[in-house]
Amino acid sequence: MAEEKKSAREKKALYLKDPKNWIKEVNAACRIAVIDDSPYARKTISKMVENSGLNFVGEGGNYQEAMMLVSQSKANLLIIDVVMPDMTGIEMLDHLRENHQNLYAVMVSSMDHEQVLLESIAAGALDFITKPIDEDILHKTLFRLAQQIAEDSQ
């Protein structure tokens, strides 16, 4: 008989009981990369990811660097800026997902427009965070998605 998935309450209890084991479990499945054309924003968001304790694998400033992170570092959770010079983050996510269907994404932008949010979700992003990014909100979002990736990979 297949083992049933843990309920949200059971997952929270596991995290509260043994957070180091929980981090180890999700880090085995989740590899996070930051894609933003602004070096300052990229470094700031990358530092926030590192502070979370989750598996940070790198950062990039354009589509080619994002593709390299996905292909070589096996990044499977991307934090992507919506406004980029060569192509939008939404277009980038579309192109990346053509060859990497198991890619998860959080879109970030200083533009807080409903249309951008809807386009991000339509492209396959699982969440959208408005800049300036609140570190607690980013961590909660990443923990939730890392748990989802760990469950999906089982």
N, C-alpha and C. Protein backbone atom coordinates (compact mmCIF):
# COMPACT_ATOMS: atom_id res chain seq x y z
N MET A 1 0.85 -1.18 0.00
CA MET A 1 0.00 0.00 0.00
C MET A 1 0.89 1.24 0.00
N ALA A 2 0.58 2.18 -0.85
CA ALA A 2 1.37 3.41 -0.95
C ALA A 2 1.21 4.24 0.33
N GLU A 3 2.33 4.83 0.73
CA GLU A 3 2.31 5.68 1.92
C GLU A 3 1.56 6.96 1.60
N GLU A 4 0.66 7.35 2.49
CA GLU A 4 -0.11 8.57 2.27
C GLU A 4 0.79 9.79 2.46
N LYS A 5 0.46 10.86 1.72
CA LYS A 5 1.21 12.10 1.87
C LYS A 5 0.90 12.70 3.24
N LYS A 6 1.90 13.35 3.79
CA LYS A 6 1.73 13.98 5.10
C LYS A 6 0.81 15.19 4.99
N SER A 7 -0.04 15.35 5.99
CA SER A 7 -0.91 16.52 6.02
C SER A 7 -0.08 17.75 6.36
N ALA A 8 -0.65 18.92 6.14
CA ALA A 8 0.04 20.17 6.46
C ALA A 8 0.38 20.21 7.95
N ARG A 9 -0.50 19.72 8.77
CA ARG A 9 -0.26 19.70 10.22
C ARG A 9 0.93 18.79 10.56
N GLU A 10 1.00 17.62 9.90
CA GLU A 10 2.12 16.70 10.14
C GLU A 10 3.45 17.30 9.67
N LYS A 11 3.42 18.01 8.52
CA LYS A 11 4.64 18.65 8.02
C LYS A 11 5.11 19.72 8.98
N LYS A 12 4.17 20.52 9.48
CA LYS A 12 4.53 21.58 10.41
C LYS A 12 5.10 20.96 11.70
N ALA A 13 4.50 19.87 12.16
CA ALA A 13 4.99 19.20 13.36
C ALA A 13 6.41 18.67 13.15
N LEU A 14 6.68 18.11 11.96
CA LEU A 14 8.02 17.61 11.64
C LEU A 14 9.02 18.76 11.65
N TYR A 15 8.63 19.88 11.04
CA TYR A 15 9.51 21.04 11.01
C TYR A 15 9.79 21.54 12.42
N LEU A 16 8.76 21.67 13.23
CA LEU A 16 8.94 22.18 14.60
C LEU A 16 9.74 21.22 15.46
N LYS A 17 9.57 19.93 15.23
CA LYS A 17 10.28 18.91 16.01
C LYS A 17 11.75 18.84 15.62
N ASP A 18 12.02 18.92 14.34
CA ASP A 18 13.39 18.70 13.85
C ASP A 18 13.66 19.56 12.61
N PRO A 19 13.83 20.88 12.78
CA PRO A 19 14.02 21.75 11.61
C PRO A 19 15.25 21.42 10.78
N LYS A 20 16.33 20.94 11.40
CA LYS A 20 17.54 20.60 10.64
C LYS A 20 17.28 19.44 9.70
N ASN A 21 16.54 18.43 10.15
CA ASN A 21 16.21 17.30 9.30
C ASN A 21 15.28 17.73 8.17
N TRP A 22 14.35 18.63 8.47
CA TRP A 22 13.43 19.14 7.45
C TRP A 22 14.22 19.87 6.37
N ILE A 23 15.16 20.74 6.78
CA ILE A 23 15.98 21.48 5.82
C ILE A 23 16.79 20.50 4.98
N LYS A 24 17.36 19.49 5.61
CA LYS A 24 18.14 18.48 4.87
C LYS A 24 17.26 17.78 3.84
N GLU A 25 16.05 17.44 4.23
CA GLU A 25 15.11 16.75 3.34
C GLU A 25 14.75 17.60 2.12
N VAL A 26 14.41 18.87 2.35
CA VAL A 26 14.02 19.71 1.21
C VAL A 26 15.23 20.13 0.38
N ASN A 27 16.40 20.30 1.02
CA ASN A 27 17.59 20.67 0.26
C ASN A 27 18.05 19.57 -0.68
N ALA A 28 17.72 18.34 -0.37
CA ALA A 28 18.07 17.24 -1.26
C ALA A 28 17.31 17.35 -2.58
N ALA A 29 16.14 17.98 -2.55
CA ALA A 29 15.30 18.06 -3.75
C ALA A 29 15.28 19.44 -4.40
N CYS A 30 15.58 20.49 -3.66
CA CYS A 30 15.38 21.86 -4.12
C CYS A 30 16.70 22.60 -4.30
N ARG A 31 16.90 23.18 -5.49
CA ARG A 31 18.10 23.96 -5.79
C ARG A 31 17.65 25.31 -6.34
N ILE A 32 17.97 26.37 -5.61
CA ILE A 32 17.42 27.70 -5.89
C ILE A 32 18.45 28.59 -6.60
N ALA A 33 18.00 29.31 -7.62
CA ALA A 33 18.83 30.29 -8.32
C ALA A 33 18.05 31.59 -8.48
N VAL A 34 18.79 32.69 -8.51
CA VAL A 34 18.22 34.02 -8.64
C VAL A 34 18.61 34.58 -10.01
N ILE A 35 17.60 35.08 -10.77
CA ILE A 35 17.84 35.66 -12.09
C ILE A 35 17.30 37.08 -12.08
N ASP A 36 18.22 38.05 -12.16
CA ASP A 36 17.84 39.47 -12.17
C ASP A 36 18.95 40.22 -12.88
N ASP A 37 18.60 41.14 -13.78
CA ASP A 37 19.62 41.87 -14.53
C ASP A 37 20.34 42.91 -13.68
N SER A 38 19.75 43.32 -12.57
CA SER A 38 20.39 44.30 -11.69
C SER A 38 21.34 43.61 -10.72
N PRO A 39 22.65 43.89 -10.81
CA PRO A 39 23.60 43.24 -9.89
C PRO A 39 23.25 43.47 -8.42
N TYR A 40 22.79 44.67 -8.09
CA TYR A 40 22.44 44.96 -6.69
C TYR A 40 21.25 44.11 -6.24
N ALA A 41 20.20 44.08 -7.04
CA ALA A 41 19.01 43.29 -6.69
C ALA A 41 19.37 41.80 -6.62
N ARG A 42 20.17 41.34 -7.57
CA ARG A 42 20.57 39.93 -7.62
C ARG A 42 21.33 39.55 -6.35
N LYS A 43 22.28 40.37 -5.94
CA LYS A 43 23.07 40.10 -4.73
C LYS A 43 22.19 40.16 -3.48
N THR A 44 21.28 41.13 -3.43
CA THR A 44 20.41 41.28 -2.27
C THR A 44 19.49 40.07 -2.12
N ILE A 45 18.86 39.66 -3.21
CA ILE A 45 17.95 38.50 -3.16
C ILE A 45 18.75 37.23 -2.88
N SER A 46 19.92 37.10 -3.49
CA SER A 46 20.76 35.92 -3.25
C SER A 46 21.13 35.79 -1.78
N LYS A 47 21.47 36.90 -1.15
CA LYS A 47 21.81 36.89 0.27
C LYS A 47 20.61 36.46 1.11
N MET A 48 19.42 36.92 0.74
CA MET A 48 18.20 36.50 1.45
C MET A 48 18.00 35.00 1.33
N VAL A 49 18.23 34.46 0.13
CA VAL A 49 18.08 33.01 -0.07
C VAL A 49 19.10 32.27 0.79
N GLU A 50 20.35 32.73 0.77
CA GLU A 50 21.38 32.10 1.61
C GLU A 50 21.00 32.14 3.08
N ASN A 51 20.42 33.25 3.53
CA ASN A 51 20.00 33.39 4.92
C ASN A 51 18.89 32.40 5.30
N SER A 52 18.16 31.92 4.32
CA SER A 52 17.07 30.98 4.59
C SER A 52 17.57 29.60 5.01
N GLY A 53 18.81 29.28 4.64
CA GLY A 53 19.34 27.94 4.91
C GLY A 53 19.01 26.94 3.83
N LEU A 54 18.25 27.36 2.82
CA LEU A 54 17.91 26.47 1.72
C LEU A 54 19.08 26.40 0.73
N ASN A 55 19.00 25.47 -0.20
CA ASN A 55 20.07 25.16 -1.13
C ASN A 55 20.16 26.18 -2.26
N PHE A 56 21.04 27.17 -2.10
CA PHE A 56 21.26 28.21 -3.10
C PHE A 56 22.39 27.77 -4.02
N VAL A 57 22.11 27.72 -5.34
CA VAL A 57 23.12 27.21 -6.28
C VAL A 57 23.74 28.28 -7.17
N GLY A 58 23.17 29.49 -7.20
CA GLY A 58 23.81 30.52 -8.00
C GLY A 58 22.86 31.60 -8.45
N GLU A 59 23.43 32.50 -9.27
CA GLU A 59 22.67 33.65 -9.74
C GLU A 59 23.09 33.97 -11.17
N GLY A 60 22.18 34.62 -11.88
CA GLY A 60 22.47 35.02 -13.24
C GLY A 60 21.75 36.30 -13.59
N GLY A 61 22.20 36.93 -14.67
CA GLY A 61 21.63 38.21 -15.06
C GLY A 61 20.89 38.21 -16.38
N ASN A 62 20.82 37.03 -17.05
CA ASN A 62 20.14 36.97 -18.34
C ASN A 62 19.72 35.53 -18.64
N TYR A 63 19.10 35.33 -19.80
CA TYR A 63 18.59 34.01 -20.19
C TYR A 63 19.70 32.97 -20.29
N GLN A 64 20.82 33.33 -20.90
CA GLN A 64 21.91 32.36 -21.07
C GLN A 64 22.43 31.87 -19.72
N GLU A 65 22.59 32.79 -18.78
CA GLU A 65 23.06 32.41 -17.44
C GLU A 65 22.01 31.59 -16.71
N ALA A 66 20.74 31.91 -16.92
CA ALA A 66 19.67 31.12 -16.32
C ALA A 66 19.68 29.70 -16.87
N MET A 67 19.85 29.58 -18.18
CA MET A 67 19.89 28.27 -18.82
C MET A 67 21.07 27.45 -18.30
N MET A 68 22.21 28.09 -18.10
CA MET A 68 23.37 27.40 -17.58
C MET A 68 23.11 26.90 -16.15
N LEU A 69 22.47 27.74 -15.32
CA LEU A 69 22.16 27.33 -13.95
C LEU A 69 21.20 26.16 -13.92
N VAL A 70 20.23 26.17 -14.82
CA VAL A 70 19.26 25.07 -14.87
C VAL A 70 19.93 23.80 -15.38
N SER A 71 20.76 23.93 -16.41
CA SER A 71 21.40 22.76 -17.03
C SER A 71 22.55 22.20 -16.19
N GLN A 72 23.44 23.06 -15.72
CA GLN A 72 24.65 22.58 -15.04
C GLN A 72 24.47 22.44 -13.53
N SER A 73 23.83 23.40 -12.90
CA SER A 73 23.67 23.35 -11.44
C SER A 73 22.38 22.66 -11.04
N LYS A 74 21.58 22.30 -12.04
CA LYS A 74 20.30 21.62 -11.82
C LYS A 74 19.35 22.45 -10.97
N ALA A 75 19.43 23.78 -11.12
CA ALA A 75 18.50 24.67 -10.42
C ALA A 75 17.08 24.30 -10.84
N ASN A 76 16.20 24.14 -9.86
CA ASN A 76 14.82 23.79 -10.18
C ASN A 76 13.79 24.74 -9.56
N LEU A 77 14.27 25.72 -8.81
CA LEU A 77 13.41 26.79 -8.29
C LEU A 77 14.10 28.11 -8.58
N LEU A 78 13.51 28.86 -9.50
CA LEU A 78 14.11 30.13 -9.91
C LEU A 78 13.31 31.30 -9.35
N ILE A 79 14.04 32.31 -8.92
CA ILE A 79 13.45 33.59 -8.56
C ILE A 79 13.83 34.52 -9.70
N ILE A 80 12.83 34.94 -10.48
CA ILE A 80 13.09 35.66 -11.73
C ILE A 80 12.45 37.05 -11.70
N ASP A 81 13.25 38.05 -12.03
CA ASP A 81 12.74 39.41 -12.18
C ASP A 81 11.89 39.48 -13.44
N VAL A 82 10.77 40.16 -13.37
CA VAL A 82 9.89 40.26 -14.53
C VAL A 82 10.49 41.17 -15.60
N VAL A 83 11.05 42.31 -15.21
CA VAL A 83 11.56 43.29 -16.18
C VAL A 83 13.05 43.03 -16.42
N MET A 84 13.35 42.55 -17.62
CA MET A 84 14.73 42.25 -18.01
C MET A 84 14.96 42.87 -19.39
N PRO A 85 16.22 43.18 -19.74
CA PRO A 85 16.47 43.91 -20.99
C PRO A 85 16.23 43.12 -22.28
N ASP A 86 16.68 41.89 -22.39
CA ASP A 86 16.59 41.16 -23.65
C ASP A 86 15.25 40.48 -23.86
N MET A 87 14.69 39.97 -22.78
CA MET A 87 13.36 39.35 -22.80
C MET A 87 12.80 39.49 -21.40
N THR A 88 11.49 39.50 -21.29
CA THR A 88 10.91 39.63 -19.95
C THR A 88 11.15 38.34 -19.17
N GLY A 89 11.06 38.43 -17.88
CA GLY A 89 11.18 37.24 -17.05
C GLY A 89 10.10 36.22 -17.37
N ILE A 90 8.94 36.70 -17.77
CA ILE A 90 7.84 35.81 -18.15
C ILE A 90 8.19 35.04 -19.42
N GLU A 91 8.74 35.73 -20.41
CA GLU A 91 9.19 35.06 -21.64
C GLU A 91 10.32 34.08 -21.32
N MET A 92 11.22 34.49 -20.44
CA MET A 92 12.33 33.63 -20.04
C MET A 92 11.81 32.33 -19.42
N LEU A 93 10.85 32.46 -18.53
CA LEU A 93 10.28 31.27 -17.90
C LEU A 93 9.64 30.36 -18.94
N ASP A 94 8.91 30.95 -19.89
CA ASP A 94 8.31 30.16 -20.98
C ASP A 94 9.37 29.36 -21.73
N HIS A 95 10.48 30.02 -22.12
CA HIS A 95 11.55 29.36 -22.87
C HIS A 95 12.23 28.27 -22.03
N LEU A 96 12.51 28.56 -20.78
CA LEU A 96 13.16 27.58 -19.92
C LEU A 96 12.29 26.35 -19.71
N ARG A 97 11.00 26.56 -19.57
CA ARG A 97 10.09 25.43 -19.31
C ARG A 97 9.87 24.56 -20.54
N GLU A 98 10.24 25.04 -21.72
CA GLU A 98 10.12 24.21 -22.93
C GLU A 98 10.98 22.95 -22.80
N ASN A 99 12.16 23.07 -22.19
CA ASN A 99 13.08 21.94 -22.04
C ASN A 99 13.16 21.40 -20.62
N HIS A 100 12.59 22.13 -19.68
CA HIS A 100 12.68 21.74 -18.27
C HIS A 100 11.30 21.91 -17.64
N GLN A 101 10.43 20.92 -17.84
CA GLN A 101 9.06 21.02 -17.38
C GLN A 101 8.94 21.04 -15.85
N ASN A 102 9.89 20.44 -15.15
CA ASN A 102 9.83 20.37 -13.69
C ASN A 102 10.53 21.57 -13.05
N LEU A 103 10.35 22.71 -13.64
CA LEU A 103 10.96 23.94 -13.15
C LEU A 103 9.90 24.74 -12.40
N TYR A 104 10.26 25.20 -11.22
CA TYR A 104 9.37 26.01 -10.38
C TYR A 104 9.90 27.43 -10.39
N ALA A 105 9.00 28.41 -10.28
CA ALA A 105 9.45 29.80 -10.34
C ALA A 105 8.62 30.70 -9.44
N VAL A 106 9.33 31.71 -8.93
CA VAL A 106 8.72 32.83 -8.23
C VAL A 106 9.13 34.06 -9.03
N MET A 107 8.15 34.84 -9.46
CA MET A 107 8.44 36.06 -10.19
C MET A 107 8.50 37.22 -9.20
N VAL A 108 9.43 38.15 -9.46
CA VAL A 108 9.56 39.34 -8.62
C VAL A 108 9.55 40.57 -9.52
N SER A 109 8.96 41.65 -9.00
CA SER A 109 8.92 42.88 -9.79
C SER A 109 8.55 44.05 -8.90
N SER A 110 9.03 45.22 -9.29
CA SER A 110 8.61 46.43 -8.60
C SER A 110 7.27 46.91 -9.15
N MET A 111 6.84 46.31 -10.27
CA MET A 111 5.53 46.64 -10.85
C MET A 111 4.47 45.77 -10.18
N ASP A 112 3.55 46.40 -9.49
CA ASP A 112 2.51 45.66 -8.78
C ASP A 112 1.21 45.77 -9.56
N HIS A 113 1.22 45.22 -10.79
CA HIS A 113 0.04 45.28 -11.65
C HIS A 113 -0.60 43.91 -11.75
N GLU A 114 -1.90 43.87 -11.71
CA GLU A 114 -2.62 42.61 -11.79
C GLU A 114 -2.30 41.86 -13.08
N GLN A 115 -2.13 42.59 -14.19
CA GLN A 115 -1.84 41.96 -15.47
C GLN A 115 -0.50 41.21 -15.43
N VAL A 116 0.51 41.80 -14.80
CA VAL A 116 1.82 41.16 -14.68
C VAL A 116 1.69 39.89 -13.83
N LEU A 117 0.94 39.98 -12.76
CA LEU A 117 0.71 38.81 -11.90
C LEU A 117 0.02 37.70 -12.69
N LEU A 118 -1.03 38.03 -13.43
CA LEU A 118 -1.76 37.03 -14.21
C LEU A 118 -0.87 36.40 -15.29
N GLU A 119 -0.06 37.21 -15.97
CA GLU A 119 0.85 36.68 -16.99
C GLU A 119 1.90 35.77 -16.37
N SER A 120 2.37 36.12 -15.17
CA SER A 120 3.36 35.30 -14.48
C SER A 120 2.78 33.93 -14.14
N ILE A 121 1.58 33.93 -13.62
CA ILE A 121 0.92 32.67 -13.26
C ILE A 121 0.63 31.84 -14.51
N ALA A 122 0.20 32.50 -15.57
CA ALA A 122 -0.07 31.79 -16.83
C ALA A 122 1.19 31.14 -17.39
N ALA A 123 2.35 31.77 -17.16
CA ALA A 123 3.62 31.22 -17.65
C ALA A 123 4.11 30.07 -16.77
N GLY A 124 3.46 29.86 -15.64
CA GLY A 124 3.84 28.74 -14.78
C GLY A 124 4.48 29.12 -13.47
N ALA A 125 4.58 30.41 -13.19
CA ALA A 125 5.13 30.83 -11.89
C ALA A 125 4.16 30.41 -10.79
N LEU A 126 4.69 29.99 -9.67
CA LEU A 126 3.85 29.56 -8.56
C LEU A 126 3.59 30.67 -7.56
N ASP A 127 4.35 31.76 -7.66
CA ASP A 127 4.12 32.88 -6.77
C ASP A 127 4.70 34.14 -7.38
N PHE A 128 4.31 35.27 -6.80
CA PHE A 128 4.74 36.58 -7.28
C PHE A 128 5.00 37.44 -6.05
N ILE A 129 6.18 38.06 -5.99
CA ILE A 129 6.53 38.92 -4.85
C ILE A 129 6.91 40.29 -5.40
N THR A 130 6.36 41.32 -4.77
CA THR A 130 6.64 42.69 -5.18
C THR A 130 7.89 43.21 -4.50
N LYS A 131 8.73 43.89 -5.30
CA LYS A 131 9.92 44.56 -4.76
C LYS A 131 9.52 45.87 -4.12
N PRO A 132 10.18 46.35 -3.11
CA PRO A 132 11.30 45.70 -2.42
C PRO A 132 10.81 44.48 -1.67
N ILE A 133 11.63 43.44 -1.71
CA ILE A 133 11.24 42.15 -1.15
C ILE A 133 11.43 42.13 0.35
N ASP A 134 10.40 41.69 1.03
CA ASP A 134 10.46 41.47 2.47
C ASP A 134 11.07 40.08 2.68
N GLU A 135 12.16 40.01 3.45
CA GLU A 135 12.88 38.74 3.61
C GLU A 135 12.01 37.65 4.23
N ASP A 136 11.17 38.01 5.19
CA ASP A 136 10.29 37.01 5.82
C ASP A 136 9.31 36.43 4.81
N ILE A 137 8.75 37.28 3.96
CA ILE A 137 7.81 36.80 2.94
C ILE A 137 8.53 35.89 1.95
N LEU A 138 9.75 36.28 1.55
CA LEU A 138 10.52 35.43 0.64
C LEU A 138 10.80 34.08 1.27
N HIS A 139 11.23 34.07 2.52
CA HIS A 139 11.53 32.81 3.20
C HIS A 139 10.29 31.92 3.29
N LYS A 140 9.16 32.47 3.68
CA LYS A 140 7.93 31.67 3.77
C LYS A 140 7.56 31.09 2.41
N THR A 141 7.69 31.90 1.37
CA THR A 141 7.40 31.44 0.02
C THR A 141 8.34 30.32 -0.39
N LEU A 142 9.64 30.50 -0.14
CA LEU A 142 10.63 29.49 -0.52
C LEU A 142 10.44 28.20 0.28
N PHE A 143 10.15 28.31 1.56
CA PHE A 143 9.93 27.10 2.38
C PHE A 143 8.73 26.31 1.85
N ARG A 144 7.66 27.02 1.51
CA ARG A 144 6.45 26.36 0.99
C ARG A 144 6.75 25.66 -0.33
N LEU A 145 7.45 26.36 -1.22
CA LEU A 145 7.76 25.76 -2.53
C LEU A 145 8.80 24.65 -2.42
N ALA A 146 9.77 24.80 -1.52
CA ALA A 146 10.77 23.74 -1.32
C ALA A 146 10.08 22.47 -0.82
N GLN A 147 9.12 22.63 0.07
CA GLN A 147 8.36 21.47 0.56
C GLN A 147 7.59 20.83 -0.59
N GLN A 148 6.98 21.66 -1.44
CA GLN A 148 6.23 21.14 -2.59
C GLN A 148 7.15 20.39 -3.55
N ILE A 149 8.34 20.94 -3.80
CA ILE A 149 9.30 20.27 -4.69
C ILE A 149 9.73 18.93 -4.09
N ALA A 150 9.99 18.92 -2.79
CA ALA A 150 10.39 17.67 -2.13
C ALA A 150 9.28 16.62 -2.25
N GLU A 151 8.05 17.03 -2.06
CA GLU A 151 6.93 16.09 -2.17
C GLU A 151 6.74 15.62 -3.62
N ASP A 152 6.86 16.54 -4.57
CA ASP A 152 6.69 16.19 -5.98
C ASP A 152 7.79 15.25 -6.47
N SER A 153 8.96 15.32 -5.85
CA SER A 153 10.08 14.49 -6.31
C SER A 153 10.07 13.09 -5.71
N GLN A 154 9.13 12.83 -4.81
CA GLN A 154 9.06 11.50 -4.18
C GLN A 154 8.32 10.52 -5.05
